[in-house]
């Protein structure tokens, strides 16, 4: 087996987007240009695969950083994602978007990394899942407010206390600005399930957000 390696620079401190634009009209399949690069990479072209990595690396690294809240872990998982993709690419049929497939690989690796890390380090978290009263969400969602106000540090702290399934849908839809259909393709569920999960996640995040204002010192 021929080994493949790449050393594209990854900034572990890369920031988050200043705004998120919904992608309801985005195509659900690869573009003709990307499909051509995929076919070349499947045939063994390292140069074509490098171009694919360059096109999707920023998204995958942001996703890993938001999920893991660690620059070092995010960089390693991002690299592992593309190595896994290179190994699996020959058998992959591009019936959907390449970005969705890469995000699924990244999320699975993030979950695995978080499980192994949990054995070494247990975070102190607010048990949001035990809330008995779930507030309505009449105000701007915390994820949207943080993206526009630049309060991403507080948002990341709030995301860390959410159950993984809710954290993931907020990252994909609330921060990355993906449509419900695109998030559903990544999470392998229905758009309706994404909608319900997103609503619940924002309710839980809002409860945490309101209890951790600057005045509280929390």
N, C-alpha and C. Protein backbone atom coordinates (compact mmCIF):
# COMPACT_ATOMS: atom_id res chain seq x y z
N UNK A 1 0.85 -1.18 0.00
CA UNK A 1 0.00 0.00 0.00
C UNK A 1 0.89 1.24 0.00
N UNK A 2 0.59 2.17 -0.85
CA UNK A 2 1.37 3.40 -0.93
C UNK A 2 0.93 4.36 0.17
N UNK A 3 1.87 4.81 0.96
CA UNK A 3 1.53 5.75 2.03
C UNK A 3 1.27 7.12 1.44
N UNK A 4 0.36 7.84 2.03
CA UNK A 4 0.05 9.18 1.57
C UNK A 4 0.15 10.12 2.75
N UNK A 5 0.82 11.20 2.58
CA UNK A 5 0.92 12.17 3.67
C UNK A 5 0.79 13.56 3.11
N UNK A 6 0.32 14.48 3.93
CA UNK A 6 0.25 15.88 3.55
C UNK A 6 0.49 16.71 4.80
N UNK A 7 1.03 17.87 4.59
CA UNK A 7 1.39 18.71 5.73
C UNK A 7 0.87 20.12 5.52
N UNK A 8 -0.41 20.24 5.22
CA UNK A 8 -1.00 21.54 5.06
C UNK A 8 -1.03 22.25 6.41
N UNK A 9 -0.74 23.55 6.43
CA UNK A 9 -0.74 24.27 7.71
C UNK A 9 -2.13 24.37 8.30
N UNK A 10 -2.25 24.08 9.59
CA UNK A 10 -3.51 24.23 10.30
C UNK A 10 -3.27 25.14 11.48
N UNK A 11 -4.05 26.19 11.57
CA UNK A 11 -3.93 27.12 12.70
C UNK A 11 -4.84 26.65 13.81
N UNK A 12 -4.30 26.13 14.92
CA UNK A 12 -5.15 25.63 16.01
C UNK A 12 -5.93 26.73 16.69
N UNK A 13 -5.54 27.98 16.45
CA UNK A 13 -6.23 29.10 17.07
C UNK A 13 -7.14 29.82 16.08
N UNK A 14 -7.44 29.16 14.95
CA UNK A 14 -8.29 29.80 13.95
C UNK A 14 -9.61 30.20 14.56
N UNK A 15 -10.09 31.38 14.20
CA UNK A 15 -11.31 31.92 14.79
C UNK A 15 -12.56 31.33 14.18
N UNK A 16 -13.68 31.81 14.64
CA UNK A 16 -14.97 31.36 14.17
C UNK A 16 -15.57 32.43 13.28
N UNK A 17 -16.51 32.09 12.41
CA UNK A 17 -17.06 33.07 11.48
C UNK A 17 -17.79 34.19 12.22
N UNK A 18 -17.70 35.38 11.63
CA UNK A 18 -18.36 36.53 12.24
C UNK A 18 -19.86 36.49 12.00
N UNK A 19 -20.31 35.72 11.05
CA UNK A 19 -21.73 35.60 10.77
C UNK A 19 -22.01 34.30 10.07
N UNK A 20 -23.24 33.86 10.08
CA UNK A 20 -23.60 32.60 9.43
C UNK A 20 -24.73 32.87 8.47
N UNK A 21 -24.55 32.45 7.24
CA UNK A 21 -25.55 32.67 6.22
C UNK A 21 -26.26 31.37 5.92
N UNK A 22 -27.57 31.30 6.06
CA UNK A 22 -28.29 30.07 5.77
C UNK A 22 -28.00 29.60 4.35
N UNK A 23 -27.96 28.29 4.18
CA UNK A 23 -27.60 27.73 2.88
C UNK A 23 -28.75 26.91 2.32
N UNK A 24 -29.96 27.43 2.41
CA UNK A 24 -31.13 26.66 1.97
C UNK A 24 -31.06 26.32 0.49
N UNK A 25 -30.40 27.20 -0.31
CA UNK A 25 -30.39 26.97 -1.75
C UNK A 25 -29.14 26.24 -2.22
N UNK A 26 -28.28 25.84 -1.29
CA UNK A 26 -27.05 25.16 -1.67
C UNK A 26 -27.36 23.82 -2.31
N UNK A 27 -26.59 23.44 -3.34
CA UNK A 27 -26.82 22.16 -4.00
C UNK A 27 -26.56 21.00 -3.06
N UNK A 28 -27.27 19.90 -3.26
CA UNK A 28 -27.13 18.73 -2.39
C UNK A 28 -26.16 17.71 -2.95
N UNK A 29 -25.54 18.02 -4.10
CA UNK A 29 -24.58 17.11 -4.70
C UNK A 29 -23.30 17.88 -5.02
N UNK A 30 -22.26 17.14 -5.33
CA UNK A 30 -20.98 17.77 -5.67
C UNK A 30 -21.11 18.56 -6.97
N UNK A 31 -20.34 19.61 -7.04
CA UNK A 31 -20.28 20.38 -8.29
C UNK A 31 -19.53 19.55 -9.34
N UNK A 32 -19.72 19.84 -10.63
CA UNK A 32 -18.99 19.09 -11.66
C UNK A 32 -17.48 19.18 -11.49
N UNK A 33 -16.98 20.37 -11.08
CA UNK A 33 -15.54 20.53 -10.89
C UNK A 33 -15.04 19.66 -9.73
N UNK A 34 -15.80 19.65 -8.62
CA UNK A 34 -15.39 18.84 -7.48
C UNK A 34 -15.50 17.36 -7.81
N UNK A 35 -16.54 16.99 -8.52
CA UNK A 35 -16.70 15.59 -8.89
C UNK A 35 -15.52 15.11 -9.73
N UNK A 36 -15.03 15.98 -10.61
CA UNK A 36 -13.88 15.61 -11.42
C UNK A 36 -12.65 15.38 -10.53
N UNK A 37 -12.45 16.27 -9.55
CA UNK A 37 -11.31 16.09 -8.64
C UNK A 37 -11.46 14.81 -7.82
N UNK A 38 -12.70 14.51 -7.41
CA UNK A 38 -12.94 13.29 -6.64
C UNK A 38 -12.57 12.07 -7.47
N UNK A 39 -13.00 12.06 -8.72
CA UNK A 39 -12.69 10.91 -9.59
C UNK A 39 -11.19 10.77 -9.78
N UNK A 40 -10.50 11.89 -9.91
CA UNK A 40 -9.05 11.83 -10.07
C UNK A 40 -8.39 11.30 -8.79
N UNK A 41 -8.88 11.77 -7.65
CA UNK A 41 -8.33 11.31 -6.37
C UNK A 41 -8.62 9.83 -6.16
N UNK A 42 -9.81 9.39 -6.56
CA UNK A 42 -10.14 7.97 -6.44
C UNK A 42 -9.23 7.11 -7.30
N UNK A 43 -8.74 7.70 -8.38
CA UNK A 43 -7.82 6.98 -9.26
C UNK A 43 -6.38 7.03 -8.75
N UNK A 44 -6.18 7.73 -7.62
CA UNK A 44 -4.86 7.74 -7.00
C UNK A 44 -4.10 9.05 -7.09
N UNK A 45 -4.74 10.12 -7.57
CA UNK A 45 -4.06 11.40 -7.72
C UNK A 45 -3.94 12.11 -6.37
N UNK A 46 -2.70 12.22 -5.88
CA UNK A 46 -2.47 12.95 -4.64
C UNK A 46 -2.73 14.44 -4.82
N UNK A 47 -2.41 14.95 -5.98
CA UNK A 47 -2.61 16.38 -6.24
C UNK A 47 -4.09 16.74 -6.20
N UNK A 48 -4.94 15.88 -6.75
CA UNK A 48 -6.38 16.14 -6.73
C UNK A 48 -6.91 16.08 -5.31
N UNK A 49 -6.42 15.11 -4.53
CA UNK A 49 -6.89 15.00 -3.16
C UNK A 49 -6.42 16.20 -2.34
N UNK A 50 -5.22 16.68 -2.60
CA UNK A 50 -4.73 17.86 -1.89
C UNK A 50 -5.64 19.06 -2.16
N UNK A 51 -6.10 19.20 -3.38
CA UNK A 51 -7.02 20.31 -3.70
C UNK A 51 -8.34 20.15 -2.95
N UNK A 52 -8.80 18.92 -2.82
CA UNK A 52 -10.02 18.69 -2.04
C UNK A 52 -9.81 19.04 -0.57
N UNK A 53 -8.65 18.67 -0.04
CA UNK A 53 -8.33 19.00 1.35
C UNK A 53 -8.32 20.52 1.53
N UNK A 54 -7.68 21.21 0.61
CA UNK A 54 -7.59 22.67 0.70
C UNK A 54 -8.97 23.32 0.66
N UNK A 55 -9.89 22.71 -0.07
CA UNK A 55 -11.23 23.27 -0.20
C UNK A 55 -12.06 23.10 1.06
N UNK A 56 -11.82 22.01 1.81
CA UNK A 56 -12.70 21.67 2.93
C UNK A 56 -12.02 21.74 4.29
N UNK A 57 -10.73 22.01 4.32
CA UNK A 57 -10.00 21.95 5.58
C UNK A 57 -10.51 22.96 6.60
N UNK A 58 -10.83 24.18 6.17
CA UNK A 58 -11.27 25.21 7.12
C UNK A 58 -12.56 24.79 7.82
N UNK A 59 -13.52 24.26 7.05
CA UNK A 59 -14.79 23.81 7.63
C UNK A 59 -14.57 22.69 8.63
N UNK A 60 -13.78 21.70 8.25
CA UNK A 60 -13.57 20.54 9.12
C UNK A 60 -12.83 20.94 10.38
N UNK A 61 -11.84 21.81 10.26
CA UNK A 61 -11.11 22.23 11.45
C UNK A 61 -12.00 23.04 12.38
N UNK A 62 -12.83 23.93 11.84
CA UNK A 62 -13.76 24.68 12.69
C UNK A 62 -14.71 23.75 13.42
N UNK A 63 -15.23 22.78 12.70
CA UNK A 63 -16.15 21.83 13.31
C UNK A 63 -15.48 21.08 14.46
N UNK A 64 -14.26 20.63 14.24
CA UNK A 64 -13.53 19.90 15.28
C UNK A 64 -13.22 20.81 16.47
N UNK A 65 -12.82 22.05 16.19
CA UNK A 65 -12.48 22.97 17.26
C UNK A 65 -13.70 23.32 18.11
N UNK A 66 -14.82 23.51 17.45
CA UNK A 66 -16.05 23.84 18.17
C UNK A 66 -16.53 22.66 19.01
N UNK A 67 -16.35 21.46 18.49
CA UNK A 67 -16.81 20.26 19.21
C UNK A 67 -15.88 19.96 20.38
N UNK A 68 -14.58 20.02 20.15
CA UNK A 68 -13.61 19.55 21.15
C UNK A 68 -13.09 20.65 22.05
N UNK A 69 -13.18 21.92 21.63
CA UNK A 69 -12.69 23.05 22.40
C UNK A 69 -11.21 22.90 22.78
N UNK A 70 -10.46 22.36 21.86
CA UNK A 70 -9.03 22.20 22.06
C UNK A 70 -8.35 22.32 20.71
N UNK A 71 -7.44 23.29 20.59
CA UNK A 71 -6.76 23.48 19.32
C UNK A 71 -5.93 22.28 18.92
N UNK A 72 -5.21 21.71 19.89
CA UNK A 72 -4.37 20.55 19.58
C UNK A 72 -5.21 19.35 19.14
N UNK A 73 -6.27 19.07 19.90
CA UNK A 73 -7.14 17.95 19.55
C UNK A 73 -7.80 18.18 18.19
N UNK A 74 -8.25 19.42 17.95
CA UNK A 74 -8.92 19.73 16.69
C UNK A 74 -7.99 19.52 15.51
N UNK A 75 -6.74 19.95 15.64
CA UNK A 75 -5.77 19.78 14.55
C UNK A 75 -5.52 18.31 14.26
N UNK A 76 -5.39 17.52 15.32
CA UNK A 76 -5.13 16.09 15.13
C UNK A 76 -6.34 15.39 14.50
N UNK A 77 -7.53 15.71 14.98
CA UNK A 77 -8.73 15.08 14.43
C UNK A 77 -8.98 15.53 13.01
N UNK A 78 -8.67 16.78 12.71
CA UNK A 78 -8.80 17.26 11.33
C UNK A 78 -7.89 16.47 10.40
N UNK A 79 -6.64 16.30 10.80
CA UNK A 79 -5.72 15.51 9.99
C UNK A 79 -6.21 14.07 9.85
N UNK A 80 -6.67 13.48 10.97
CA UNK A 80 -7.17 12.11 10.93
C UNK A 80 -8.37 11.98 10.00
N UNK A 81 -9.21 13.02 9.98
CA UNK A 81 -10.40 13.00 9.11
C UNK A 81 -10.00 12.84 7.65
N UNK A 82 -9.01 13.62 7.21
CA UNK A 82 -8.62 13.54 5.81
C UNK A 82 -7.83 12.27 5.50
N UNK A 83 -7.09 11.76 6.48
CA UNK A 83 -6.42 10.49 6.26
C UNK A 83 -7.44 9.36 6.12
N UNK A 84 -8.47 9.38 6.97
CA UNK A 84 -9.54 8.38 6.85
C UNK A 84 -10.25 8.52 5.50
N UNK A 85 -10.48 9.77 5.11
CA UNK A 85 -11.17 10.01 3.84
C UNK A 85 -10.33 9.49 2.67
N UNK A 86 -9.03 9.71 2.70
CA UNK A 86 -8.15 9.21 1.63
C UNK A 86 -8.21 7.69 1.54
N UNK A 87 -8.23 7.04 2.70
CA UNK A 87 -8.28 5.58 2.72
C UNK A 87 -9.61 5.04 2.21
N UNK A 88 -10.70 5.76 2.51
CA UNK A 88 -12.03 5.27 2.14
C UNK A 88 -12.53 5.80 0.81
N UNK A 89 -11.83 6.79 0.26
CA UNK A 89 -12.33 7.48 -0.94
C UNK A 89 -12.54 6.56 -2.14
N UNK A 90 -11.68 5.58 -2.41
CA UNK A 90 -11.90 4.74 -3.59
C UNK A 90 -13.25 4.05 -3.61
N UNK A 91 -13.80 3.73 -2.43
CA UNK A 91 -15.08 3.02 -2.37
C UNK A 91 -16.27 3.96 -2.19
N UNK A 92 -16.01 5.26 -2.06
CA UNK A 92 -17.10 6.21 -1.80
C UNK A 92 -17.80 6.61 -3.09
N UNK A 93 -19.11 6.56 -3.08
CA UNK A 93 -19.91 6.99 -4.22
C UNK A 93 -20.48 8.37 -3.93
N UNK A 94 -20.13 9.37 -4.73
CA UNK A 94 -20.56 10.75 -4.45
C UNK A 94 -22.03 11.00 -4.78
N UNK A 95 -22.91 10.37 -4.01
CA UNK A 95 -24.34 10.61 -4.21
C UNK A 95 -24.80 11.87 -3.46
N UNK A 96 -24.00 12.30 -2.50
CA UNK A 96 -24.27 13.53 -1.77
C UNK A 96 -23.06 14.44 -1.83
N UNK A 97 -23.06 15.47 -1.00
CA UNK A 97 -21.95 16.40 -1.00
C UNK A 97 -20.74 15.82 -0.27
N UNK A 98 -19.57 16.09 -0.80
CA UNK A 98 -18.34 15.63 -0.16
C UNK A 98 -18.21 16.22 1.24
N UNK A 99 -18.60 17.48 1.41
CA UNK A 99 -18.49 18.12 2.72
C UNK A 99 -19.31 17.39 3.77
N UNK A 100 -20.49 16.88 3.38
CA UNK A 100 -21.32 16.14 4.33
C UNK A 100 -20.62 14.85 4.77
N UNK A 101 -20.02 14.16 3.83
CA UNK A 101 -19.30 12.92 4.15
C UNK A 101 -18.11 13.21 5.06
N UNK A 102 -17.36 14.26 4.75
CA UNK A 102 -16.21 14.62 5.58
C UNK A 102 -16.64 15.03 6.98
N UNK A 103 -17.75 15.76 7.08
CA UNK A 103 -18.25 16.16 8.39
C UNK A 103 -18.68 14.95 9.22
N UNK A 104 -19.27 13.94 8.58
CA UNK A 104 -19.65 12.73 9.32
C UNK A 104 -18.42 12.03 9.87
N UNK A 105 -17.37 11.95 9.06
CA UNK A 105 -16.13 11.33 9.53
C UNK A 105 -15.57 12.12 10.71
N UNK A 106 -15.56 13.45 10.57
CA UNK A 106 -15.01 14.30 11.62
C UNK A 106 -15.81 14.18 12.91
N UNK A 107 -17.12 14.18 12.81
CA UNK A 107 -17.96 14.07 14.01
C UNK A 107 -17.72 12.75 14.72
N UNK A 108 -17.62 11.67 13.97
CA UNK A 108 -17.36 10.36 14.59
C UNK A 108 -16.01 10.35 15.31
N UNK A 109 -15.01 10.97 14.70
CA UNK A 109 -13.70 11.03 15.33
C UNK A 109 -13.72 11.94 16.56
N UNK A 110 -14.47 13.03 16.48
CA UNK A 110 -14.61 13.91 17.64
C UNK A 110 -15.27 13.18 18.81
N UNK A 111 -16.30 12.41 18.51
CA UNK A 111 -16.97 11.65 19.57
C UNK A 111 -16.01 10.65 20.21
N UNK A 112 -15.23 9.97 19.37
CA UNK A 112 -14.27 9.01 19.90
C UNK A 112 -13.21 9.70 20.75
N UNK A 113 -12.74 10.86 20.26
CA UNK A 113 -11.71 11.60 21.01
C UNK A 113 -12.26 12.07 22.35
N UNK A 114 -13.51 12.55 22.35
CA UNK A 114 -14.11 13.03 23.58
C UNK A 114 -14.29 11.90 24.59
N UNK A 115 -14.64 10.70 24.12
CA UNK A 115 -14.81 9.57 25.03
C UNK A 115 -13.48 9.18 25.67
N UNK A 116 -12.43 9.15 24.88
CA UNK A 116 -11.13 8.77 25.43
C UNK A 116 -10.61 9.85 26.36
N UNK A 117 -10.90 11.11 26.03
CA UNK A 117 -10.45 12.20 26.88
C UNK A 117 -11.22 12.24 28.19
N UNK A 118 -12.50 11.82 28.14
CA UNK A 118 -13.32 11.84 29.35
C UNK A 118 -12.76 10.92 30.41
N UNK A 119 -12.08 9.85 29.98
CA UNK A 119 -11.48 8.95 30.94
C UNK A 119 -10.31 9.58 31.68
N UNK A 120 -9.70 10.62 31.05
CA UNK A 120 -8.55 11.28 31.66
C UNK A 120 -8.92 12.56 32.39
N UNK A 121 -9.95 13.19 31.88
CA UNK A 121 -10.30 14.50 32.46
C UNK A 121 -11.80 14.68 32.44
N UNK A 122 -12.41 14.85 33.59
CA UNK A 122 -13.85 15.03 33.73
C UNK A 122 -14.17 16.50 33.94
N UNK A 123 -14.93 17.07 33.02
CA UNK A 123 -15.26 18.49 33.16
C UNK A 123 -16.42 18.69 34.12
N UNK A 124 -16.41 19.85 34.76
CA UNK A 124 -17.53 20.25 35.60
C UNK A 124 -18.56 20.90 34.69
N UNK A 125 -19.76 20.32 34.62
CA UNK A 125 -20.78 20.84 33.72
C UNK A 125 -22.10 21.05 34.45
N UNK A 126 -22.91 21.91 33.88
CA UNK A 126 -24.25 22.13 34.40
C UNK A 126 -25.17 21.07 33.81
N UNK A 127 -25.88 20.31 34.62
CA UNK A 127 -26.72 19.22 34.10
C UNK A 127 -27.98 19.75 33.44
N UNK A 128 -27.84 20.26 32.20
CA UNK A 128 -28.98 20.85 31.51
C UNK A 128 -30.06 19.82 31.22
N UNK A 129 -29.67 18.59 31.02
CA UNK A 129 -30.66 17.57 30.67
C UNK A 129 -31.60 17.27 31.83
N UNK A 130 -31.26 17.75 33.04
CA UNK A 130 -32.11 17.50 34.20
C UNK A 130 -33.07 18.65 34.49
N UNK A 131 -33.11 19.63 33.58
CA UNK A 131 -34.01 20.76 33.80
C UNK A 131 -35.46 20.27 33.84
N UNK A 132 -36.21 20.73 34.80
CA UNK A 132 -37.62 20.35 34.90
C UNK A 132 -38.51 21.35 34.19
N UNK A 133 -38.05 22.58 34.07
CA UNK A 133 -38.83 23.61 33.38
C UNK A 133 -38.01 24.10 32.21
N UNK A 134 -38.51 23.92 31.00
CA UNK A 134 -37.81 24.36 29.81
C UNK A 134 -38.40 25.69 29.38
N UNK A 135 -37.61 26.76 29.34
CA UNK A 135 -38.13 28.07 29.02
C UNK A 135 -38.50 28.20 27.55
N UNK A 136 -39.41 29.10 27.28
CA UNK A 136 -39.72 29.45 25.90
C UNK A 136 -38.53 30.21 25.35
N UNK A 137 -38.50 30.42 24.05
CA UNK A 137 -37.34 31.06 23.43
C UNK A 137 -37.79 32.31 22.68
N UNK A 138 -38.30 33.34 23.39
CA UNK A 138 -38.83 34.51 22.71
C UNK A 138 -37.75 35.46 22.22
N UNK A 139 -36.52 35.37 22.79
CA UNK A 139 -35.47 36.29 22.42
C UNK A 139 -34.56 35.67 21.37
N UNK A 140 -33.62 36.47 20.90
CA UNK A 140 -32.69 35.97 19.89
C UNK A 140 -31.93 34.78 20.45
N UNK A 141 -31.82 33.72 19.65
CA UNK A 141 -31.13 32.52 20.10
C UNK A 141 -29.70 32.85 20.51
N UNK A 142 -29.19 32.26 21.60
CA UNK A 142 -27.84 32.59 22.07
C UNK A 142 -26.77 32.36 21.02
N UNK A 143 -26.89 31.30 20.21
CA UNK A 143 -25.86 31.05 19.21
C UNK A 143 -25.82 32.16 18.17
N UNK A 144 -26.99 32.63 17.75
CA UNK A 144 -27.04 33.72 16.78
C UNK A 144 -26.53 35.02 17.40
N UNK A 145 -26.92 35.28 18.65
CA UNK A 145 -26.49 36.50 19.32
C UNK A 145 -24.97 36.52 19.50
N UNK A 146 -24.40 35.37 19.85
CA UNK A 146 -22.96 35.31 20.08
C UNK A 146 -22.19 35.50 18.79
N UNK A 147 -22.69 34.91 17.70
CA UNK A 147 -22.01 35.04 16.42
C UNK A 147 -21.96 36.50 16.00
N UNK A 148 -23.05 37.22 16.21
CA UNK A 148 -23.11 38.62 15.78
C UNK A 148 -22.42 39.56 16.77
N UNK A 149 -22.38 39.23 18.05
CA UNK A 149 -21.78 40.11 19.04
C UNK A 149 -20.30 39.81 19.26
N UNK A 150 -19.85 38.70 18.76
CA UNK A 150 -18.46 38.32 18.96
C UNK A 150 -18.21 37.62 20.28
N UNK A 151 -19.27 37.27 21.02
CA UNK A 151 -19.11 36.61 22.32
C UNK A 151 -19.00 35.10 22.13
N UNK A 152 -18.03 34.70 21.30
CA UNK A 152 -17.91 33.29 20.96
C UNK A 152 -17.32 32.46 22.10
N UNK A 153 -16.53 33.10 22.96
CA UNK A 153 -15.95 32.35 24.09
C UNK A 153 -17.05 31.85 25.01
N UNK A 154 -18.02 32.72 25.30
CA UNK A 154 -19.12 32.30 26.15
C UNK A 154 -19.97 31.24 25.44
N UNK A 155 -20.15 31.40 24.12
CA UNK A 155 -20.93 30.42 23.38
C UNK A 155 -20.26 29.05 23.43
N UNK A 156 -18.94 29.02 23.28
CA UNK A 156 -18.24 27.74 23.32
C UNK A 156 -18.37 27.08 24.69
N UNK A 157 -18.35 27.89 25.74
CA UNK A 157 -18.54 27.34 27.09
C UNK A 157 -19.94 26.76 27.23
N UNK A 158 -20.93 27.44 26.66
CA UNK A 158 -22.30 26.93 26.71
C UNK A 158 -22.48 25.67 25.89
N UNK A 159 -21.85 25.62 24.73
CA UNK A 159 -21.95 24.43 23.90
C UNK A 159 -21.37 23.21 24.61
N UNK A 160 -20.33 23.43 25.41
CA UNK A 160 -19.65 22.30 26.04
C UNK A 160 -20.53 21.58 27.05
N UNK A 161 -21.58 22.24 27.56
CA UNK A 161 -22.42 21.58 28.56
C UNK A 161 -23.63 20.90 27.92
N UNK A 162 -23.81 21.08 26.63
CA UNK A 162 -24.94 20.44 25.95
C UNK A 162 -24.64 18.97 25.66
N UNK A 163 -25.67 18.13 25.61
CA UNK A 163 -25.46 16.76 25.14
C UNK A 163 -24.89 16.79 23.71
N UNK A 164 -24.04 15.84 23.34
CA UNK A 164 -23.39 15.87 22.02
C UNK A 164 -24.34 16.06 20.86
N UNK A 165 -25.48 15.38 20.85
CA UNK A 165 -26.39 15.48 19.71
C UNK A 165 -26.91 16.89 19.53
N UNK A 166 -27.13 17.59 20.64
CA UNK A 166 -27.63 18.97 20.56
C UNK A 166 -26.50 19.94 20.23
N UNK A 167 -25.32 19.65 20.76
CA UNK A 167 -24.16 20.48 20.44
C UNK A 167 -23.88 20.44 18.94
N UNK A 168 -23.95 19.25 18.36
CA UNK A 168 -23.64 19.10 16.95
C UNK A 168 -24.60 19.87 16.06
N UNK A 169 -25.89 19.81 16.36
CA UNK A 169 -26.86 20.48 15.50
C UNK A 169 -26.73 22.00 15.64
N UNK A 170 -26.36 22.51 16.81
CA UNK A 170 -26.13 23.94 16.98
C UNK A 170 -24.88 24.39 16.22
N UNK A 171 -23.84 23.58 16.25
CA UNK A 171 -22.63 23.92 15.50
C UNK A 171 -22.92 23.98 14.01
N UNK A 172 -23.62 22.98 13.51
CA UNK A 172 -23.88 22.89 12.08
C UNK A 172 -24.83 23.98 11.59
N UNK A 173 -25.95 24.15 12.29
CA UNK A 173 -26.97 25.10 11.83
C UNK A 173 -26.78 26.50 12.39
N UNK A 174 -26.46 26.59 13.68
CA UNK A 174 -26.38 27.89 14.31
C UNK A 174 -25.10 28.64 14.02
N UNK A 175 -23.98 27.92 13.90
CA UNK A 175 -22.69 28.57 13.70
C UNK A 175 -22.23 28.47 12.25
N UNK A 176 -22.28 27.26 11.68
CA UNK A 176 -21.84 27.09 10.30
C UNK A 176 -22.90 27.55 9.29
N UNK A 177 -24.14 27.73 9.75
CA UNK A 177 -25.18 28.24 8.86
C UNK A 177 -25.69 27.24 7.84
N UNK A 178 -25.57 25.94 8.13
CA UNK A 178 -26.08 24.94 7.20
C UNK A 178 -27.60 24.87 7.28
N UNK A 179 -28.21 24.47 6.19
CA UNK A 179 -29.66 24.27 6.18
C UNK A 179 -30.00 23.01 6.96
N UNK A 180 -31.29 22.87 7.29
CA UNK A 180 -31.73 21.66 7.98
C UNK A 180 -31.47 20.42 7.12
N UNK A 181 -31.63 20.56 5.81
CA UNK A 181 -31.37 19.42 4.92
C UNK A 181 -29.91 19.03 4.93
N UNK A 182 -29.03 20.02 4.89
CA UNK A 182 -27.60 19.72 4.89
C UNK A 182 -27.17 19.10 6.22
N UNK A 183 -27.67 19.64 7.32
CA UNK A 183 -27.35 19.07 8.62
C UNK A 183 -27.89 17.65 8.74
N UNK A 184 -29.08 17.42 8.20
CA UNK A 184 -29.68 16.09 8.24
C UNK A 184 -28.81 15.09 7.49
N UNK A 185 -28.23 15.52 6.36
CA UNK A 185 -27.37 14.62 5.59
C UNK A 185 -26.12 14.26 6.38
N UNK A 186 -25.59 15.21 7.14
CA UNK A 186 -24.39 14.95 7.94
C UNK A 186 -24.72 14.06 9.13
N UNK A 187 -25.83 14.37 9.81
CA UNK A 187 -26.20 13.65 11.03
C UNK A 187 -26.98 12.38 10.75
N UNK A 188 -27.31 12.15 9.47
CA UNK A 188 -28.02 10.95 9.04
C UNK A 188 -29.37 10.81 9.76
N UNK A 189 -30.14 11.89 9.70
CA UNK A 189 -31.49 11.89 10.25
C UNK A 189 -32.36 12.73 9.32
N UNK A 190 -33.60 12.93 9.69
CA UNK A 190 -34.50 13.71 8.84
C UNK A 190 -34.38 15.20 9.14
N UNK A 191 -34.69 16.07 8.16
CA UNK A 191 -34.71 17.51 8.43
C UNK A 191 -35.64 17.87 9.58
N UNK A 192 -36.75 17.16 9.71
CA UNK A 192 -37.67 17.42 10.80
C UNK A 192 -37.02 17.11 12.15
N UNK A 193 -36.24 16.05 12.19
CA UNK A 193 -35.52 15.72 13.43
C UNK A 193 -34.50 16.80 13.76
N UNK A 194 -33.83 17.31 12.74
CA UNK A 194 -32.88 18.41 12.94
C UNK A 194 -33.59 19.62 13.51
N UNK A 195 -34.75 19.95 12.96
CA UNK A 195 -35.51 21.11 13.41
C UNK A 195 -35.88 20.98 14.90
N UNK A 196 -36.38 19.80 15.29
CA UNK A 196 -36.76 19.59 16.67
C UNK A 196 -35.57 19.61 17.61
N UNK A 197 -34.47 19.00 17.18
CA UNK A 197 -33.27 18.95 18.00
C UNK A 197 -32.68 20.35 18.17
N UNK A 198 -32.74 21.14 17.09
CA UNK A 198 -32.20 22.49 17.15
C UNK A 198 -33.02 23.36 18.11
N UNK A 199 -34.34 23.21 18.06
CA UNK A 199 -35.20 24.00 18.95
C UNK A 199 -34.91 23.65 20.41
N UNK A 200 -34.81 22.38 20.71
CA UNK A 200 -34.55 21.93 22.07
C UNK A 200 -33.16 22.40 22.53
N UNK A 201 -32.17 22.30 21.63
CA UNK A 201 -30.82 22.71 21.98
C UNK A 201 -30.76 24.19 22.31
N UNK A 202 -31.49 25.00 21.56
CA UNK A 202 -31.49 26.44 21.81
C UNK A 202 -32.20 26.78 23.12
N UNK A 203 -33.22 26.02 23.45
CA UNK A 203 -33.89 26.23 24.73
C UNK A 203 -32.93 25.95 25.90
N UNK A 204 -32.22 24.83 25.81
CA UNK A 204 -31.29 24.47 26.88
C UNK A 204 -30.14 25.47 26.96
N UNK A 205 -29.64 25.89 25.79
CA UNK A 205 -28.55 26.85 25.79
C UNK A 205 -29.00 28.19 26.35
N UNK A 206 -30.23 28.58 26.05
CA UNK A 206 -30.76 29.83 26.57
C UNK A 206 -30.84 29.81 28.09
N UNK A 207 -31.25 28.69 28.67
CA UNK A 207 -31.31 28.55 30.12
C UNK A 207 -29.92 28.74 30.73
N UNK A 208 -28.93 28.08 30.13
CA UNK A 208 -27.56 28.22 30.62
C UNK A 208 -27.07 29.65 30.42
N UNK A 209 -27.34 30.22 29.26
CA UNK A 209 -26.87 31.57 28.89
C UNK A 209 -27.37 32.62 29.88
N UNK A 210 -28.65 32.55 30.20
CA UNK A 210 -29.24 33.54 31.12
C UNK A 210 -28.70 33.39 32.53
N UNK A 211 -28.24 32.21 32.89
CA UNK A 211 -27.70 31.99 34.23
C UNK A 211 -26.22 32.26 34.32
N UNK A 212 -25.58 32.66 33.21
CA UNK A 212 -24.15 32.91 33.20
C UNK A 212 -23.85 34.26 32.56
N UNK A 213 -24.56 35.27 33.00
CA UNK A 213 -24.31 36.62 32.52
C UNK A 213 -23.08 37.18 33.19
N UNK A 214 -22.47 38.23 32.59
CA UNK A 214 -21.26 38.80 33.19
C UNK A 214 -21.47 39.26 34.62
N UNK A 215 -22.71 39.68 34.96
CA UNK A 215 -22.98 40.18 36.29
C UNK A 215 -22.87 39.10 37.35
N UNK A 216 -23.09 37.83 36.94
CA UNK A 216 -23.06 36.74 37.91
C UNK A 216 -21.65 36.34 38.28
N UNK A 217 -20.72 36.74 37.37
CA UNK A 217 -19.33 36.35 37.61
C UNK A 217 -19.06 34.92 37.26
N UNK A 218 -20.02 34.24 36.60
CA UNK A 218 -19.85 32.83 36.25
C UNK A 218 -19.22 32.72 34.88
